[in-house]
Amino acid sequence: MRYTTVFPALGLLIVAGSVSYAQSVHIKDYVASKLDDFTSTMKVTQHDDNAGRLINKDFGLMYKIKGDIALQYKDENKLRLDGTIGSSRATLIVNGTKQIVRIPGLGLNKTDDLGETPGKRKTLLDMGMISDGYLAYTLAEFRRMAPVEGRNCAVFKISYRNKDLDTSHRIVWIDPKTKVTLKREEYNQEGKLNATFFYKNPTEIVPGIWFPTSIEVQNNKGQKAGTTLYKNVKVNQNLNDSVFK
């Protein structure tokens, strides 16, 4: 199977019916409610380390994994990547607030605590989707309807309920038909634009579940920092929690 255009890191959705539903101002109407987990083969096709550093000093970690990358995600906040760095096998796991990096060939087996800041969690929104679990600790404000690449999208501002932990926010443009976030702007704790993500070419994987097949990230200067492709997407595989340990 050939790759279709995509990215990193991690999104997926449901078809909306009537015109009135398509213009709903309620974020719950855009939840990818049929999606519990997914697996995919991911490939980094473009990475600019200098552009990425303007987003985050650790931005390039995932992009250092070369070739095909086995991606596994389980809702809520469980991610695993398996690939190669140089000649060594590499594994990156994020499980809630814990991040594990294993590179046996380099003698690396490191576990870090990401803390309670919700912005450091890995969620379906990284792949362009909204989950019920994500809404449990966030607030969404409807802003307007606005187009992205010719699709009329519902625009929401999403922030965290506990502002003592994290004052960052994001603006998302969600396609009502697929429930895929086509564009996402991330703003830091000071309210300044940090990065913009574009989720392109959504494909219906199974009836009612869509997945963006191209994800591109730009820094706050509009410089392209990374692009990722996905193939062999499989959803609701009943992944065991032991995969993320």
C-alpha atoms as a PDB file:
ATOM      1  CA  MET A   1       0.000   0.000   0.000  1.00  0.00           C
ATOM      2  CA  ARG A   2       1.331   3.445  -0.835  1.00  0.00           C
ATOM      3  CA  TYR A   3       1.418   6.302   1.659  1.00  0.00           C
ATOM      4  CA  THR A   4      -1.040   9.158   1.464  1.00  0.00           C
ATOM      5  CA  THR A   5       0.009  12.550   2.747  1.00  0.00           C
ATOM      6  CA  VAL A   6      -0.092  13.011   6.635  1.00  0.00           C
ATOM      7  CA  PHE A   7       1.043  13.914  10.244  1.00  0.00           C
ATOM      8  CA  PRO A   8       2.522  13.884  13.771  1.00  0.00           C
ATOM      9  CA  ALA A   9       1.642  12.398  15.706  1.00  0.00           C
ATOM     10  CA  LEU A  10      -1.511  11.353  16.245  1.00  0.00           C
ATOM     11  CA  GLY A  11      -6.640  12.037  14.980  1.00  0.00           C
ATOM     12  CA  LEU A  12     -10.212  10.224  13.588  1.00  0.00           C
ATOM     13  CA  LEU A  13     -14.130  10.672  13.057  1.00  0.00           C
ATOM     14  CA  ILE A  14     -17.860  10.191  12.337  1.00  0.00           C
ATOM     15  CA  VAL A  15     -20.218  11.350   9.593  1.00  0.00           C
ATOM     16  CA  ALA A  16     -22.789  14.028  10.429  1.00  0.00           C
ATOM     17  CA  GLY A  17     -26.246  13.877   8.976  1.00  0.00           C
ATOM     18  CA  SER A  18     -28.514  16.897   8.650  1.00  0.00           C
ATOM     19  CA  VAL A  19     -27.576  20.489   7.881  1.00  0.00           C
ATOM     20  CA  SER A  20     -28.644  21.617  11.349  1.00  0.00           C
ATOM     21  CA  TYR A  21     -26.436  18.969  12.975  1.00  0.00           C
ATOM     22  CA  ALA A  22     -23.525  19.987  10.746  1.00  0.00           C
ATOM     23  CA  GLN A  23     -23.715  23.493  12.195  1.00  0.00           C
ATOM     24  CA  SER A  24     -23.997  22.477  15.843  1.00  0.00           C
ATOM     25  CA  VAL A  25     -22.425  24.848  18.367  1.00  0.00           C
ATOM     26  CA  HIS A  26     -21.975  22.046  20.943  1.00  0.00           C
ATOM     27  CA  ILE A  27     -18.531  20.426  21.100  1.00  0.00           C
ATOM     28  CA  LYS A  28     -20.017  17.048  22.126  1.00  0.00           C
ATOM     29  CA  ASP A  29     -21.562  16.772  18.661  1.00  0.00           C
ATOM     30  CA  TYR A  30     -18.026  16.582  17.241  1.00  0.00           C
ATOM     31  CA  VAL A  31     -16.724  13.756  19.454  1.00  0.00           C
ATOM     32  CA  ALA A  32     -15.191  10.693  17.728  1.00  0.00           C
ATOM     33  CA  SER A  33     -17.385   8.488  19.882  1.00  0.00           C
ATOM     34  CA  LYS A  34     -16.847   5.253  17.945  1.00  0.00           C
ATOM     35  CA  LEU A  35     -13.064   5.246  18.360  1.00  0.00           C
ATOM     36  CA  ASP A  36     -11.355   3.559  21.330  1.00  0.00           C
ATOM     37  CA  ASP A  37      -7.896   2.782  19.949  1.00  0.00           C
ATOM     38  CA  PHE A  38      -5.957   2.510  16.696  1.00  0.00           C
ATOM     39  CA  THR A  39      -2.751   1.198  15.175  1.00  0.00           C
ATOM     40  CA  SER A  40      -0.934   2.566  12.148  1.00  0.00           C
ATOM     41  CA  THR A  41       2.355   2.624  10.282  1.00  0.00           C
ATOM     42  CA  MET A  42       3.740   6.151  10.379  1.00  0.00           C
ATOM     43  CA  LYS A  43       6.526   7.691   8.320  1.00  0.00           C
ATOM     44  CA  VAL A  44       8.225  11.060   8.767  1.00  0.00           C
ATOM     45  CA  THR A  45       8.647  12.625   5.327  1.00  0.00           C
ATOM     46  CA  GLN A  46       9.915  16.058   6.329  1.00  0.00           C
ATOM     47  CA  HIS A  47      11.571  17.494   9.431  1.00  0.00           C
ATOM     48  CA  ASP A  48      13.248  20.852  10.024  1.00  0.00           C
ATOM     49  CA  ASP A  49      14.993  20.762  13.399  1.00  0.00           C
ATOM     50  CA  ASN A  50      15.573  24.527  13.516  1.00  0.00           C
ATOM     51  CA  ALA A  51      11.918  25.272  12.743  1.00  0.00           C
ATOM     52  CA  GLY A  52      10.833  22.700  15.334  1.00  0.00           C
ATOM     53  CA  ARG A  53      12.911  24.247  18.113  1.00  0.00           C
ATOM     54  CA  LEU A  54      10.740  27.372  17.916  1.00  0.00           C
ATOM     55  CA  ILE A  55       7.831  25.136  18.944  1.00  0.00           C
ATOM     56  CA  ASN A  56       9.537  23.079  21.654  1.00  0.00           C
ATOM     57  CA  LYS A  57      13.140  22.199  22.480  1.00  0.00           C
ATOM     58  CA  ASP A  58      12.141  18.507  22.550  1.00  0.00           C
ATOM     59  CA  PHE A  59      10.016  18.744  19.408  1.00  0.00           C
ATOM     60  CA  GLY A  60      12.369  16.640  17.284  1.00  0.00           C
ATOM     61  CA  LEU A  61      12.392  13.465  19.425  1.00  0.00           C
ATOM     62  CA  MET A  62       9.729  11.652  17.416  1.00  0.00           C
ATOM     63  CA  TYR A  63      11.169  12.878  14.127  1.00  0.00           C
ATOM     64  CA  LYS A  64      14.534  11.274  14.869  1.00  0.00           C
ATOM     65  CA  ILE A  65      12.909   7.845  14.472  1.00  0.00           C
ATOM     66  CA  LYS A  66      13.624   6.812  10.887  1.00  0.00           C
ATOM     67  CA  GLY A  67      11.776   4.644   8.372  1.00  0.00           C
ATOM     68  CA  ASP A  68       8.457   3.009   9.145  1.00  0.00           C
ATOM     69  CA  ILE A  69       7.241   3.654  12.687  1.00  0.00           C
ATOM     70  CA  ALA A  70       4.718   1.360  14.379  1.00  0.00           C
ATOM     71  CA  LEU A  71       2.180   3.594  16.117  1.00  0.00           C
ATOM     72  CA  GLN A  72      -0.297   2.396  18.747  1.00  0.00           C
ATOM     73  CA  TYR A  73      -2.752   4.648  20.580  1.00  0.00           C
ATOM     74  CA  LYS A  74      -5.416   3.929  23.188  1.00  0.00           C
ATOM     75  CA  ASP A  75      -7.869   6.412  24.603  1.00  0.00           C
ATOM     76  CA  GLU A  76      -7.184   8.121  26.941  1.00  0.00           C
ATOM     77  CA  ASN A  77      -3.558   9.348  26.832  1.00  0.00           C
ATOM     78  CA  LYS A  78      -1.704   6.147  25.878  1.00  0.00           C
ATOM     79  CA  LEU A  79       0.784   6.232  22.979  1.00  0.00           C
ATOM     80  CA  ARG A  80       3.542   3.898  21.772  1.00  0.00           C
ATOM     81  CA  LEU A  81       5.989   4.392  18.882  1.00  0.00           C
ATOM     82  CA  ASP A  82       8.461   1.717  17.758  1.00  0.00           C
ATOM     83  CA  GLY A  83      11.096   2.467  15.129  1.00  0.00           C
ATOM     84  CA  THR A  84      14.806   2.947  14.506  1.00  0.00           C
ATOM     85  CA  ILE A  85      17.284   5.662  15.474  1.00  0.00           C
ATOM     86  CA  GLY A  86      20.542   5.115  13.618  1.00  0.00           C
ATOM     87  CA  SER A  87      21.117   1.351  13.780  1.00  0.00           C
ATOM     88  CA  SER A  88      19.298   0.937  17.102  1.00  0.00           C
ATOM     89  CA  ARG A  89      15.700  -0.001  17.771  1.00  0.00           C
ATOM     90  CA  ALA A  90      13.854   2.728  19.635  1.00  0.00           C
ATOM     91  CA  THR A  91      10.627   2.816  21.638  1.00  0.00           C
ATOM     92  CA  LEU A  92       8.779   5.873  22.908  1.00  0.00           C
ATOM     93  CA  ILE A  93       5.852   5.358  25.284  1.00  0.00           C
ATOM     94  CA  VAL A  94       3.610   7.991  26.831  1.00  0.00           C
ATOM     95  CA  ASN A  95       1.106   6.702  29.381  1.00  0.00           C
ATOM     96  CA  GLY A  96      -0.744   9.474  31.185  1.00  0.00           C
ATOM     97  CA  THR A  97       1.937  11.540  32.913  1.00  0.00           C
ATOM     98  CA  LYS A  98       4.741   9.011  32.344  1.00  0.00           C
ATOM     99  CA  GLN A  99       7.116   9.059  29.354  1.00  0.00           C
ATOM    100  CA  ILE A 100       9.449   6.127  28.635  1.00  0.00           C
ATOM    101  CA  VAL A 101      12.305   6.142  26.099  1.00  0.00           C
ATOM    102  CA  ARG A 102      14.084   2.855  25.354  1.00  0.00           C
ATOM    103  CA  ILE A 103      17.029   2.558  22.945  1.00  0.00           C
ATOM    104  CA  PRO A 104      18.794  -0.712  23.895  1.00  0.00           C
ATOM    105  CA  GLY A 105      21.612  -0.213  21.393  1.00  0.00           C
ATOM    106  CA  LEU A 106      22.583   2.998  23.178  1.00  0.00           C
ATOM    107  CA  GLY A 107      21.997   1.602  26.657  1.00  0.00           C
ATOM    108  CA  LEU A 108      19.098   4.005  27.205  1.00  0.00           C
ATOM    109  CA  ASN A 109      16.068   3.101  29.310  1.00  0.00           C
ATOM    110  CA  LYS A 110      14.679   6.319  30.751  1.00  0.00           C
ATOM    111  CA  THR A 111      11.398   7.144  32.473  1.00  0.00           C
ATOM    112  CA  ASP A 112      10.291  10.747  33.022  1.00  0.00           C
ATOM    113  CA  ASP A 113       7.349  12.182  34.926  1.00  0.00           C
ATOM    114  CA  LEU A 114       5.593  14.762  32.740  1.00  0.00           C
ATOM    115  CA  GLY A 115       3.794  16.187  35.757  1.00  0.00           C
ATOM    116  CA  GLU A 116       0.123  17.006  36.093  1.00  0.00           C
ATOM    117  CA  THR A 117       0.069  19.659  33.350  1.00  0.00           C
ATOM    118  CA  PRO A 118      -2.714  18.466  30.998  1.00  0.00           C
ATOM    119  CA  GLY A 119      -1.038  20.055  27.972  1.00  0.00           C
ATOM    120  CA  LYS A 120       1.711  17.412  28.093  1.00  0.00           C
ATOM    121  CA  ARG A 121      -0.698  14.507  27.678  1.00  0.00           C
ATOM    122  CA  LYS A 122      -1.044  12.660  24.358  1.00  0.00           C
ATOM    123  CA  THR A 123      -4.661  12.782  23.236  1.00  0.00           C
ATOM    124  CA  LEU A 124      -6.731  12.045  20.145  1.00  0.00           C
ATOM    125  CA  LEU A 125      -6.509  15.749  19.353  1.00  0.00           C
ATOM    126  CA  ASP A 126      -2.870  15.122  18.380  1.00  0.00           C
ATOM    127  CA  MET A 127      -4.364  13.121  15.513  1.00  0.00           C
ATOM    128  CA  GLY A 128      -7.121  15.634  14.865  1.00  0.00           C
ATOM    129  CA  MET A 129      -9.959  14.223  16.953  1.00  0.00           C
ATOM    130  CA  ILE A 130     -11.989  15.053  20.021  1.00  0.00           C
ATOM    131  CA  SER A 131     -12.767  12.362  22.618  1.00  0.00           C
ATOM    132  CA  ASP A 132     -15.151  12.299  25.583  1.00  0.00           C
ATOM    133  CA  GLY A 133     -12.166  11.778  27.877  1.00  0.00           C
ATOM    134  CA  TYR A 134     -10.552  14.959  26.596  1.00  0.00           C
ATOM    135  CA  LEU A 135     -13.715  16.961  27.255  1.00  0.00           C
ATOM    136  CA  ALA A 136     -13.707  15.794  30.889  1.00  0.00           C
ATOM    137  CA  TYR A 137     -10.868  18.204  31.744  1.00  0.00           C
ATOM    138  CA  THR A 138     -11.297  20.910  29.083  1.00  0.00           C
ATOM    139  CA  LEU A 139     -13.712  23.733  28.278  1.00  0.00           C
ATOM    140  CA  ALA A 140     -14.833  24.490  24.721  1.00  0.00           C
ATOM    141  CA  GLU A 141     -16.278  27.807  23.517  1.00  0.00           C
ATOM    142  CA  PHE A 142     -17.943  27.979  20.097  1.00  0.00           C
ATOM    143  CA  ARG A 143     -16.597  30.925  18.101  1.00  0.00           C
ATOM    144  CA  ARG A 144     -18.001  30.783  14.567  1.00  0.00           C
ATOM    145  CA  MET A 145     -18.287  28.768  11.359  1.00  0.00           C
ATOM    146  CA  ALA A 146     -15.312  29.281   9.035  1.00  0.00           C
ATOM    147  CA  PRO A 147     -13.838  27.474   6.011  1.00  0.00           C
ATOM    148  CA  VAL A 148     -10.647  25.418   5.794  1.00  0.00           C
ATOM    149  CA  GLU A 149      -9.714  24.345   2.264  1.00  0.00           C
ATOM    150  CA  GLY A 150     -13.303  24.832   1.123  1.00  0.00           C
ATOM    151  CA  ARG A 151     -14.930  22.933   4.017  1.00  0.00           C
ATOM    152  CA  ASN A 152     -17.164  24.928   6.368  1.00  0.00           C
ATOM    153  CA  CYS A 153     -15.900  24.125   9.876  1.00  0.00           C
ATOM    154  CA  ALA A 154     -17.063  24.716  13.431  1.00  0.00           C
ATOM    155  CA  VAL A 155     -14.436  26.802  15.236  1.00  0.00           C
ATOM    156  CA  PHE A 156     -13.921  26.308  18.987  1.00  0.00           C
ATOM    157  CA  LYS A 157     -11.527  27.712  21.568  1.00  0.00           C
ATOM    158  CA  ILE A 158     -10.479  24.905  23.931  1.00  0.00           C
ATOM    159  CA  SER A 159      -8.789  25.541  27.279  1.00  0.00           C
ATOM    160  CA  TYR A 160      -8.222  23.511  30.446  1.00  0.00           C
ATOM    161  CA  ARG A 161     -10.653  23.569  33.354  1.00  0.00           C
ATOM    162  CA  ASN A 162      -7.872  23.826  35.937  1.00  0.00           C
ATOM    163  CA  LYS A 163      -6.106  27.080  35.057  1.00  0.00           C
ATOM    164  CA  ASP A 164      -3.773  26.611  38.034  1.00  0.00           C
ATOM    165  CA  LEU A 165      -2.150  23.728  36.134  1.00  0.00           C
ATOM    166  CA  ASP A 166      -2.203  25.070  32.580  1.00  0.00           C
ATOM    167  CA  THR A 167      -3.398  28.350  31.040  1.00  0.00           C
ATOM    168  CA  SER A 168      -2.613  27.424  27.431  1.00  0.00           C
ATOM    169  CA  HIS A 169      -5.399  27.116  24.866  1.00  0.00           C
ATOM    170  CA  ARG A 170      -6.016  26.064  21.281  1.00  0.00           C
ATOM    171  CA  ILE A 171      -8.310  27.058  18.432  1.00  0.00           C
ATOM    172  CA  VAL A 172      -9.673  24.147  16.389  1.00  0.00           C
ATOM    173  CA  TRP A 173     -11.523  24.041  13.063  1.00  0.00           C
ATOM    174  CA  ILE A 174     -13.660  20.852  12.971  1.00  0.00           C
ATOM    175  CA  ASP A 175     -15.291  19.454   9.821  1.00  0.00           C
ATOM    176  CA  PRO A 176     -18.877  18.529  10.861  1.00  0.00           C
ATOM    177  CA  LYS A 177     -19.127  15.776   8.234  1.00  0.00           C
ATOM    178  CA  THR A 178     -16.067  13.788   9.288  1.00  0.00           C
ATOM    179  CA  LYS A 179     -15.530  15.212  12.801  1.00  0.00           C
ATOM    180  CA  VAL A 180     -11.875  15.614  11.890  1.00  0.00           C
ATOM    181  CA  THR A 181     -10.078  18.740  13.096  1.00  0.00           C
ATOM    182  CA  LEU A 182      -8.694  20.196   9.857  1.00  0.00           C
ATOM    183  CA  LYS A 183      -6.690  22.956  11.528  1.00  0.00           C
ATOM    184  CA  ARG A 184      -5.440  23.557  15.067  1.00  0.00           C
ATOM    185  CA  GLU A 185      -3.618  26.559  16.479  1.00  0.00           C
ATOM    186  CA  GLU A 186      -1.765  26.024  19.773  1.00  0.00           C
ATOM    187  CA  TYR A 187      -1.235  29.008  22.101  1.00  0.00           C
ATOM    188  CA  ASN A 188       1.216  28.933  25.020  1.00  0.00           C
ATOM    189  CA  GLN A 189       0.732  29.953  28.666  1.00  0.00           C
ATOM    190  CA  GLU A 190       1.241  33.617  27.715  1.00  0.00           C
ATOM    191  CA  GLY A 191      -1.417  33.432  24.996  1.00  0.00           C
ATOM    192  CA  LYS A 192       1.051  33.610  22.100  1.00  0.00           C
ATOM    193  CA  LEU A 193       0.753  31.391  19.019  1.00  0.00           C
ATOM    194  CA  ASN A 194       3.159  28.463  19.336  1.00  0.00           C
ATOM    195  CA  ALA A 195       2.323  26.125  16.440  1.00  0.00           C
ATOM    196  CA  THR A 196      -0.286  25.381  13.783  1.00  0.00           C
ATOM    197  CA  PHE A 197      -1.288  21.858  12.741  1.00  0.00           C
ATOM    198  CA  PHE A 198      -3.022  20.954   9.469  1.00  0.00           C
ATOM    199  CA  TYR A 199      -4.833  17.591   9.241  1.00  0.00           C
ATOM    200  CA  LYS A 200      -5.287  16.778   5.574  1.00  0.00           C
ATOM    201  CA  ASN A 201      -7.068  14.322   3.288  1.00  0.00           C
ATOM    202  CA  PRO A 202      -9.396  12.612   5.814  1.00  0.00           C
ATOM    203  CA  THR A 203     -10.234   9.029   4.847  1.00  0.00           C
ATOM    204  CA  GLU A 204     -13.084   6.874   6.154  1.00  0.00           C
ATOM    205  CA  ILE A 205     -11.320   3.846   7.684  1.00  0.00           C
ATOM    206  CA  VAL A 206     -14.524   1.995   8.597  1.00  0.00           C
ATOM    207  CA  PRO A 207     -18.111   3.273   8.412  1.00  0.00           C
ATOM    208  CA  GLY A 208     -18.395   6.263  10.745  1.00  0.00           C
ATOM    209  CA  ILE A 209     -14.691   6.629  11.606  1.00  0.00           C
ATOM    210  CA  TRP A 210     -12.470   9.014   9.661  1.00  0.00           C
ATOM    211  CA  PHE A 211      -8.724   9.511   9.926  1.00  0.00           C
ATOM    212  CA  PRO A 212      -6.586  12.372   8.558  1.00  0.00           C
ATOM    213  CA  THR A 213      -4.003  10.911   6.192  1.00  0.00           C
ATOM    214  CA  SER A 214      -1.674  13.911   6.235  1.00  0.00           C
ATOM    215  CA  ILE A 215      -0.548  16.035   9.168  1.00  0.00           C
ATOM    216  CA  GLU A 216       1.712  19.052   8.805  1.00  0.00           C
ATOM    217  CA  VAL A 217       2.984  21.279  11.615  1.00  0.00           C
ATOM    218  CA  GLN A 218       4.253  24.842  11.281  1.00  0.00           C
ATOM    219  CA  ASN A 219       5.903  27.066  13.892  1.00  0.00           C
ATOM    220  CA  ASN A 220       4.652  30.560  14.776  1.00  0.00           C
ATOM    221  CA  LYS A 221       6.601  32.011  11.853  1.00  0.00           C
ATOM    222  CA  GLY A 222       4.771  29.814   9.369  1.00  0.00           C
ATOM    223  CA  GLN A 223       7.840  27.617   8.802  1.00  0.00           C
ATOM    224  CA  LYS A 224       7.106  23.955   8.151  1.00  0.00           C
ATOM    225  CA  ALA A 225       8.604  21.926  11.019  1.00  0.00           C
ATOM    226  CA  GLY A 226       7.397  18.419  10.211  1.00  0.00           C
ATOM    227  CA  THR A 227       5.168  16.252   8.047  1.00  0.00           C
ATOM    228  CA  THR A 228       4.133  12.662   8.719  1.00  0.00           C
ATOM    229  CA  LEU A 229       2.409   9.991   6.611  1.00  0.00           C
ATOM    230  CA  TYR A 230       0.211   7.104   7.782  1.00  0.00           C
ATOM    231  CA  LYS A 231      -0.849   3.789   6.240  1.00  0.00           C
ATOM    232  CA  ASN A 232      -2.380   0.497   7.412  1.00  0.00           C
ATOM    233  CA  VAL A 233      -4.666   2.273   9.873  1.00  0.00           C
ATOM    234  CA  LYS A 234      -6.741  -0.144  11.956  1.00  0.00           C
ATOM    235  CA  VAL A 235      -9.229   0.981  14.587  1.00  0.00           C
ATOM    236  CA  ASN A 236     -10.717  -0.585  17.719  1.00  0.00           C
ATOM    237  CA  GLN A 237      -8.181  -3.417  18.012  1.00  0.00           C
ATOM    238  CA  ASN A 238      -8.815  -3.816  21.765  1.00  0.00           C
ATOM    239  CA  LEU A 239      -5.203  -2.982  22.617  1.00  0.00           C
ATOM    240  CA  ASN A 240      -3.989  -4.336  25.957  1.00  0.00           C
ATOM    241  CA  ASP A 241      -2.767  -1.821  28.548  1.00  0.00           C
ATOM    242  CA  SER A 242       0.462  -3.843  28.876  1.00  0.00           C
ATOM    243  CA  VAL A 243       1.526  -2.470  25.464  1.00  0.00           C
ATOM    244  CA  PHE A 244       2.041   0.913  27.116  1.00  0.00           C
ATOM    245  CA  LYS A 245       4.393  -0.180  29.907  1.00  0.00           C
END
